Amino acid sequence: MKRIQIINGPNLNLLGKREPSVYGSQSFDSYLEELKIRFSGVELLYFQSNVEGELVNKLHEVGFDADGIILNAGAYTHTSIAIADAIRSITAPVIEVHISNVYQRESFRHHSFLSGVCKGCIIGFGLDSYRLAIESFL
C-alpha cells in the first residue's frame, strides 16, 4: 500500500471559512474524508501547521519513508528557503500544490522557492489539486 503524506502550511486550517471566493467553502477535513474514500487503497496521512519549523520537522520525519509528499506550504512557498532545503535533503518525491492559481493573484505570489526542488507543481484546480497530486503518485 502506498503511503502519501499531505502537509498543509499556514492558514490552511481555515479552509471553508477563509476567503471562500478564493479557497472555496469546504473544509480540508471534509475533503480529506472524500479523498480517503476515493483512494481507499492508499494510506493518506495529514499534517497541518502554521509554524515554518514544524513543516520542516515533518518533512524530515516522513521524507525517507513516504512514497510521496503533497505540500501546500501556503505563504511559505514565497519566503522559505528552509523548507526548500528540507525538500532538497529528503528522498521522498514532493509535489507542490496550490488551491488558487497563484499567477492570477498578487505579484509576490508568482515566485516559489519550492518549485525548483519539487517533482512537480499543481496549481489552481481548487481542492482537486490534491487529488491530481495523489493520482500523479499512482
N, C-alpha and C. Protein backbone atom coordinates (compact mmCIF):
# COMPACT_ATOMS: atom_id res chain seq x y z
N MET A 1 0.84 -1.18 0.00
CA MET A 1 0.00 0.00 0.00
C MET A 1 0.88 1.24 0.00
N LYS A 2 0.62 2.14 -0.94
CA LYS A 2 1.38 3.39 -0.98
C LYS A 2 1.00 4.27 0.20
N ARG A 3 2.00 4.98 0.70
CA ARG A 3 1.80 5.90 1.82
C ARG A 3 2.13 7.31 1.35
N ILE A 4 1.12 8.17 1.35
CA ILE A 4 1.28 9.55 0.89
C ILE A 4 0.97 10.49 2.04
N GLN A 5 1.91 11.39 2.31
CA GLN A 5 1.77 12.38 3.37
C GLN A 5 1.33 13.70 2.75
N ILE A 6 0.24 14.26 3.25
CA ILE A 6 -0.20 15.60 2.86
C ILE A 6 0.23 16.55 3.97
N ILE A 7 0.90 17.63 3.58
CA ILE A 7 1.34 18.64 4.54
C ILE A 7 0.79 19.98 4.10
N ASN A 8 0.01 20.61 4.97
CA ASN A 8 -0.54 21.94 4.70
C ASN A 8 0.08 22.95 5.64
N GLY A 9 0.39 24.11 5.10
CA GLY A 9 1.01 25.18 5.86
C GLY A 9 0.03 26.18 6.42
N PRO A 10 0.51 27.40 6.64
CA PRO A 10 -0.23 28.41 7.39
C PRO A 10 -1.57 28.78 6.76
N ASN A 11 -2.53 28.94 7.64
CA ASN A 11 -3.89 29.41 7.35
C ASN A 11 -4.75 28.39 6.62
N LEU A 12 -4.18 27.26 6.25
CA LEU A 12 -4.98 26.25 5.56
C LEU A 12 -5.89 25.49 6.52
N ASN A 13 -5.68 25.65 7.82
CA ASN A 13 -6.61 25.12 8.80
C ASN A 13 -7.94 25.87 8.75
N LEU A 14 -7.97 27.01 8.07
CA LEU A 14 -9.18 27.82 7.99
C LEU A 14 -9.96 27.60 6.69
N LEU A 15 -9.58 26.59 5.91
CA LEU A 15 -10.31 26.33 4.67
C LEU A 15 -11.77 26.08 5.00
N GLY A 16 -12.64 26.63 4.18
CA GLY A 16 -14.07 26.56 4.42
C GLY A 16 -14.59 27.82 5.08
N LYS A 17 -13.70 28.53 5.77
CA LYS A 17 -14.05 29.80 6.43
C LYS A 17 -13.28 30.97 5.82
N ARG A 18 -12.05 30.70 5.41
CA ARG A 18 -11.14 31.74 4.93
C ARG A 18 -11.41 32.06 3.46
N GLU A 19 -11.68 33.29 3.16
CA GLU A 19 -11.82 33.77 1.78
C GLU A 19 -12.46 32.73 0.86
N PRO A 20 -13.73 32.40 1.08
CA PRO A 20 -14.35 31.35 0.26
C PRO A 20 -14.37 31.69 -1.24
N SER A 21 -14.29 32.96 -1.59
CA SER A 21 -14.25 33.30 -3.02
C SER A 21 -12.94 32.85 -3.67
N VAL A 22 -11.90 32.68 -2.88
CA VAL A 22 -10.59 32.23 -3.38
C VAL A 22 -10.41 30.73 -3.13
N TYR A 23 -10.76 30.28 -1.93
CA TYR A 23 -10.42 28.92 -1.49
C TYR A 23 -11.61 27.96 -1.41
N GLY A 24 -12.82 28.44 -1.68
CA GLY A 24 -13.99 27.59 -1.61
C GLY A 24 -14.57 27.52 -0.21
N SER A 25 -15.65 26.79 -0.08
CA SER A 25 -16.37 26.74 1.19
C SER A 25 -16.25 25.40 1.91
N GLN A 26 -15.46 24.48 1.38
CA GLN A 26 -15.30 23.16 2.00
C GLN A 26 -14.08 23.14 2.92
N SER A 27 -14.24 22.54 4.07
CA SER A 27 -13.09 22.39 4.98
C SER A 27 -12.16 21.33 4.43
N PHE A 28 -10.89 21.41 4.81
CA PHE A 28 -9.96 20.39 4.33
C PHE A 28 -10.29 19.03 4.96
N ASP A 29 -10.71 19.03 6.20
CA ASP A 29 -11.03 17.76 6.86
C ASP A 29 -12.13 17.01 6.10
N SER A 30 -13.16 17.71 5.65
CA SER A 30 -14.22 17.01 4.91
C SER A 30 -13.72 16.56 3.55
N TYR A 31 -12.87 17.36 2.91
CA TYR A 31 -12.30 16.96 1.63
C TYR A 31 -11.39 15.74 1.80
N LEU A 32 -10.62 15.73 2.88
CA LEU A 32 -9.72 14.60 3.14
C LEU A 32 -10.52 13.31 3.28
N GLU A 33 -11.67 13.36 3.92
CA GLU A 33 -12.51 12.16 4.04
C GLU A 33 -12.93 11.66 2.66
N GLU A 34 -13.25 12.58 1.75
CA GLU A 34 -13.60 12.19 0.38
C GLU A 34 -12.41 11.52 -0.31
N LEU A 35 -11.22 12.10 -0.11
CA LEU A 35 -10.01 11.51 -0.71
C LEU A 35 -9.76 10.11 -0.18
N LYS A 36 -9.95 9.92 1.12
CA LYS A 36 -9.71 8.60 1.72
C LYS A 36 -10.68 7.55 1.17
N ILE A 37 -11.89 7.95 0.86
CA ILE A 37 -12.86 7.03 0.26
C ILE A 37 -12.45 6.74 -1.19
N ARG A 38 -12.13 7.79 -1.92
CA ARG A 38 -11.77 7.63 -3.34
C ARG A 38 -10.50 6.79 -3.52
N PHE A 39 -9.53 7.00 -2.63
CA PHE A 39 -8.24 6.31 -2.72
C PHE A 39 -8.09 5.35 -1.54
N SER A 40 -9.04 4.43 -1.41
CA SER A 40 -9.06 3.53 -0.25
C SER A 40 -7.86 2.60 -0.20
N GLY A 41 -7.19 2.41 -1.33
CA GLY A 41 -6.01 1.56 -1.36
C GLY A 41 -4.71 2.30 -1.07
N VAL A 42 -4.83 3.56 -0.66
CA VAL A 42 -3.66 4.39 -0.36
C VAL A 42 -3.76 4.85 1.09
N GLU A 43 -2.66 4.80 1.79
CA GLU A 43 -2.63 5.35 3.15
C GLU A 43 -2.36 6.84 3.03
N LEU A 44 -3.37 7.65 3.33
CA LEU A 44 -3.23 9.10 3.27
C LEU A 44 -3.06 9.63 4.68
N LEU A 45 -1.94 10.28 4.93
CA LEU A 45 -1.64 10.87 6.23
C LEU A 45 -1.72 12.39 6.08
N TYR A 46 -2.13 13.06 7.14
CA TYR A 46 -2.33 14.51 7.06
C TYR A 46 -1.68 15.23 8.23
N PHE A 47 -1.04 16.35 7.91
CA PHE A 47 -0.43 17.21 8.92
C PHE A 47 -0.62 18.65 8.48
N GLN A 48 -0.96 19.52 9.42
CA GLN A 48 -1.07 20.95 9.14
C GLN A 48 -0.42 21.72 10.27
N SER A 49 0.30 22.78 9.90
CA SER A 49 0.87 23.67 10.91
C SER A 49 0.99 25.07 10.34
N ASN A 50 0.85 26.02 11.23
CA ASN A 50 1.07 27.42 10.87
C ASN A 50 2.51 27.85 11.13
N VAL A 51 3.33 26.91 11.59
CA VAL A 51 4.70 27.21 12.03
C VAL A 51 5.70 26.61 11.04
N GLU A 52 6.56 27.44 10.49
CA GLU A 52 7.52 27.02 9.48
C GLU A 52 8.41 25.86 9.95
N GLY A 53 8.96 25.96 11.14
CA GLY A 53 9.84 24.92 11.65
C GLY A 53 9.15 23.58 11.82
N GLU A 54 7.87 23.60 12.15
CA GLU A 54 7.12 22.34 12.27
C GLU A 54 6.94 21.68 10.91
N LEU A 55 6.80 22.48 9.85
CA LEU A 55 6.72 21.92 8.50
C LEU A 55 8.05 21.29 8.12
N VAL A 56 9.15 21.96 8.44
CA VAL A 56 10.48 21.40 8.19
C VAL A 56 10.66 20.09 8.96
N ASN A 57 10.27 20.09 10.22
CA ASN A 57 10.40 18.87 11.04
C ASN A 57 9.58 17.72 10.46
N LYS A 58 8.38 17.99 9.98
CA LYS A 58 7.54 16.94 9.41
C LYS A 58 8.15 16.40 8.12
N LEU A 59 8.70 17.27 7.29
CA LEU A 59 9.39 16.81 6.07
C LEU A 59 10.55 15.89 6.44
N HIS A 60 11.32 16.25 7.45
CA HIS A 60 12.42 15.40 7.90
C HIS A 60 11.90 14.06 8.42
N GLU A 61 10.81 14.11 9.17
CA GLU A 61 10.25 12.90 9.80
C GLU A 61 9.77 11.88 8.77
N VAL A 62 9.07 12.34 7.73
CA VAL A 62 8.44 11.42 6.78
C VAL A 62 9.20 11.30 5.46
N GLY A 63 10.18 12.15 5.25
CA GLY A 63 10.81 12.29 3.95
C GLY A 63 11.70 11.16 3.48
N PHE A 64 11.90 10.15 4.31
CA PHE A 64 12.70 9.00 3.88
C PHE A 64 11.87 7.72 3.82
N ASP A 65 10.59 7.81 4.23
CA ASP A 65 9.73 6.63 4.28
C ASP A 65 8.48 6.74 3.41
N ALA A 66 7.96 7.93 3.24
CA ALA A 66 6.73 8.11 2.46
C ALA A 66 6.99 7.83 0.99
N ASP A 67 5.97 7.34 0.31
CA ASP A 67 6.06 7.13 -1.14
C ASP A 67 5.89 8.44 -1.90
N GLY A 68 5.35 9.42 -1.23
CA GLY A 68 5.19 10.74 -1.83
C GLY A 68 4.69 11.72 -0.79
N ILE A 69 5.00 12.98 -1.02
CA ILE A 69 4.55 14.06 -0.13
C ILE A 69 3.86 15.11 -0.99
N ILE A 70 2.68 15.51 -0.55
CA ILE A 70 1.95 16.61 -1.18
C ILE A 70 2.07 17.78 -0.23
N LEU A 71 2.65 18.86 -0.70
CA LEU A 71 2.93 20.01 0.15
C LEU A 71 2.25 21.27 -0.38
N ASN A 72 1.38 21.84 0.44
CA ASN A 72 0.87 23.18 0.20
C ASN A 72 1.43 24.03 1.33
N ALA A 73 2.53 24.70 1.07
CA ALA A 73 3.21 25.48 2.10
C ALA A 73 2.60 26.85 2.29
N GLY A 74 1.49 27.13 1.61
CA GLY A 74 0.86 28.44 1.77
C GLY A 74 1.84 29.55 1.46
N ALA A 75 1.79 30.60 2.25
CA ALA A 75 2.65 31.76 2.02
C ALA A 75 4.13 31.44 2.16
N TYR A 76 4.48 30.37 2.88
CA TYR A 76 5.89 30.00 2.99
C TYR A 76 6.49 29.61 1.64
N THR A 77 5.64 29.27 0.69
CA THR A 77 6.09 28.97 -0.67
C THR A 77 6.96 30.11 -1.20
N HIS A 78 6.58 31.31 -0.87
CA HIS A 78 7.19 32.50 -1.45
C HIS A 78 8.31 33.08 -0.59
N THR A 79 8.56 32.45 0.57
CA THR A 79 9.53 33.04 1.50
C THR A 79 10.54 32.07 2.09
N SER A 80 10.27 30.75 2.04
CA SER A 80 11.03 29.84 2.88
C SER A 80 12.12 29.07 2.15
N ILE A 81 13.33 29.51 2.37
CA ILE A 81 14.49 28.76 1.90
C ILE A 81 14.68 27.53 2.79
N ALA A 82 14.27 27.62 4.06
CA ALA A 82 14.40 26.48 4.97
C ALA A 82 13.55 25.30 4.50
N ILE A 83 12.34 25.54 4.03
CA ILE A 83 11.50 24.45 3.53
C ILE A 83 12.09 23.90 2.23
N ALA A 84 12.59 24.77 1.37
CA ALA A 84 13.24 24.31 0.13
C ALA A 84 14.43 23.42 0.46
N ASP A 85 15.24 23.82 1.43
CA ASP A 85 16.39 23.00 1.83
C ASP A 85 15.95 21.66 2.41
N ALA A 86 14.84 21.65 3.15
CA ALA A 86 14.34 20.39 3.72
C ALA A 86 13.90 19.45 2.59
N ILE A 87 13.22 19.98 1.59
CA ILE A 87 12.79 19.16 0.45
C ILE A 87 14.02 18.60 -0.27
N ARG A 88 15.01 19.44 -0.46
CA ARG A 88 16.24 19.03 -1.14
C ARG A 88 16.97 17.93 -0.36
N SER A 89 16.77 17.88 0.95
CA SER A 89 17.50 16.96 1.83
C SER A 89 16.88 15.58 1.95
N ILE A 90 15.63 15.42 1.52
CA ILE A 90 14.93 14.15 1.71
C ILE A 90 14.88 13.36 0.40
N THR A 91 14.47 12.10 0.49
CA THR A 91 14.42 11.26 -0.71
C THR A 91 13.02 11.10 -1.28
N ALA A 92 11.99 11.31 -0.50
CA ALA A 92 10.61 11.16 -1.00
C ALA A 92 10.31 12.28 -2.00
N PRO A 93 9.64 11.94 -3.10
CA PRO A 93 9.26 12.99 -4.06
C PRO A 93 8.18 13.88 -3.46
N VAL A 94 8.28 15.17 -3.75
CA VAL A 94 7.34 16.17 -3.23
C VAL A 94 6.64 16.85 -4.39
N ILE A 95 5.31 16.94 -4.30
CA ILE A 95 4.52 17.69 -5.26
C ILE A 95 4.04 18.95 -4.55
N GLU A 96 4.34 20.10 -5.12
CA GLU A 96 3.86 21.38 -4.59
C GLU A 96 2.45 21.61 -5.13
N VAL A 97 1.51 21.90 -4.23
CA VAL A 97 0.15 22.19 -4.68
C VAL A 97 -0.31 23.55 -4.15
N HIS A 98 -1.19 24.15 -4.93
CA HIS A 98 -1.87 25.38 -4.53
C HIS A 98 -3.31 25.28 -4.98
N ILE A 99 -4.20 25.72 -4.12
CA ILE A 99 -5.63 25.67 -4.41
C ILE A 99 -5.98 26.72 -5.46
N SER A 100 -5.49 27.93 -5.27
CA SER A 100 -5.77 29.02 -6.23
C SER A 100 -4.67 29.07 -7.29
N ASN A 101 -4.96 29.74 -8.37
CA ASN A 101 -3.93 29.98 -9.39
C ASN A 101 -3.13 31.19 -8.92
N VAL A 102 -1.96 30.93 -8.36
CA VAL A 102 -1.15 32.00 -7.77
C VAL A 102 -0.73 33.04 -8.81
N TYR A 103 -0.74 32.67 -10.09
CA TYR A 103 -0.34 33.61 -11.15
C TYR A 103 -1.45 34.59 -11.51
N GLN A 104 -2.65 34.36 -10.98
CA GLN A 104 -3.75 35.30 -11.16
C GLN A 104 -3.89 36.21 -9.95
N ARG A 105 -2.96 36.10 -9.02
CA ARG A 105 -3.05 36.85 -7.77
C ARG A 105 -1.91 37.86 -7.68
N GLU A 106 -1.63 38.34 -6.50
CA GLU A 106 -0.61 39.37 -6.30
C GLU A 106 0.74 38.91 -6.83
N SER A 107 1.53 39.86 -7.31
CA SER A 107 2.79 39.52 -7.97
C SER A 107 3.76 38.80 -7.03
N PHE A 108 3.72 39.08 -5.73
CA PHE A 108 4.65 38.40 -4.82
C PHE A 108 4.38 36.89 -4.76
N ARG A 109 3.19 36.47 -5.16
CA ARG A 109 2.87 35.04 -5.16
C ARG A 109 3.36 34.33 -6.42
N HIS A 110 3.93 35.06 -7.35
CA HIS A 110 4.37 34.47 -8.62
C HIS A 110 5.71 33.75 -8.49
N HIS A 111 6.42 33.95 -7.38
CA HIS A 111 7.71 33.28 -7.19
C HIS A 111 7.59 32.21 -6.11
N SER A 112 8.12 31.03 -6.39
CA SER A 112 8.16 29.95 -5.42
C SER A 112 9.60 29.53 -5.19
N PHE A 113 9.99 29.49 -3.92
CA PHE A 113 11.30 28.93 -3.57
C PHE A 113 11.26 27.40 -3.62
N LEU A 114 10.06 26.82 -3.73
CA LEU A 114 9.91 25.37 -3.63
C LEU A 114 9.84 24.66 -4.97
N SER A 115 9.30 25.31 -5.98
CA SER A 115 9.05 24.66 -7.27
C SER A 115 10.28 23.97 -7.83
N GLY A 116 11.42 24.60 -7.74
CA GLY A 116 12.64 24.06 -8.33
C GLY A 116 13.18 22.82 -7.65
N VAL A 117 12.72 22.54 -6.43
CA VAL A 117 13.20 21.36 -5.71
C VAL A 117 12.11 20.29 -5.58
N CYS A 118 10.95 20.55 -6.15
CA CYS A 118 9.84 19.59 -6.12
C CYS A 118 9.80 18.79 -7.42
N LYS A 119 9.16 17.61 -7.34
CA LYS A 119 8.98 16.77 -8.52
C LYS A 119 8.09 17.48 -9.53
N GLY A 120 7.10 18.24 -9.05
CA GLY A 120 6.19 18.95 -9.92
C GLY A 120 5.30 19.86 -9.11
N CYS A 121 4.47 20.62 -9.82
CA CYS A 121 3.58 21.60 -9.21
C CYS A 121 2.19 21.47 -9.82
N ILE A 122 1.18 21.56 -8.97
CA ILE A 122 -0.21 21.56 -9.42
C ILE A 122 -0.86 22.78 -8.80
N ILE A 123 -1.33 23.67 -9.66
CA ILE A 123 -1.74 25.00 -9.23
C ILE A 123 -3.09 25.36 -9.85
N GLY A 124 -4.02 25.79 -8.99
CA GLY A 124 -5.21 26.44 -9.49
C GLY A 124 -6.43 25.58 -9.76
N PHE A 125 -6.44 24.33 -9.30
CA PHE A 125 -7.58 23.46 -9.54
C PHE A 125 -8.44 23.29 -8.29
N GLY A 126 -8.39 24.27 -7.40
CA GLY A 126 -9.14 24.17 -6.16
C GLY A 126 -8.62 23.01 -5.33
N LEU A 127 -9.48 22.46 -4.49
CA LEU A 127 -9.07 21.32 -3.68
C LEU A 127 -8.69 20.12 -4.54
N ASP A 128 -9.20 20.07 -5.77
CA ASP A 128 -8.83 18.97 -6.67
C ASP A 128 -7.34 18.95 -6.98
N SER A 129 -6.62 20.02 -6.66
CA SER A 129 -5.16 20.00 -6.82
C SER A 129 -4.56 18.84 -6.02
N TYR A 130 -5.13 18.55 -4.86
CA TYR A 130 -4.64 17.44 -4.03
C TYR A 130 -4.94 16.09 -4.70
N ARG A 131 -6.14 15.94 -5.25
CA ARG A 131 -6.50 14.70 -5.95
C ARG A 131 -5.55 14.46 -7.11
N LEU A 132 -5.28 15.50 -7.88
CA LEU A 132 -4.36 15.36 -9.02
C LEU A 132 -2.98 14.97 -8.55
N ALA A 133 -2.55 15.51 -7.43
CA ALA A 133 -1.24 15.16 -6.90
C ALA A 133 -1.20 13.69 -6.48
N ILE A 134 -2.24 13.22 -5.82
CA ILE A 134 -2.30 11.81 -5.43
C ILE A 134 -2.22 10.94 -6.68
N GLU A 135 -3.01 11.28 -7.70
CA GLU A 135 -3.01 10.50 -8.93
C GLU A 135 -1.64 10.48 -9.58
N SER A 136 -0.87 11.54 -9.43
CA SER A 136 0.47 11.58 -10.04
C SER A 136 1.41 10.56 -9.38
N PHE A 137 1.12 10.18 -8.15
CA PHE A 137 1.96 9.19 -7.44
C PHE A 137 1.53 7.75 -7.71
N LEU A 138 0.37 7.57 -8.30
CA LEU A 138 -0.16 6.21 -8.50
C LEU A 138 0.16 5.65 -9.86
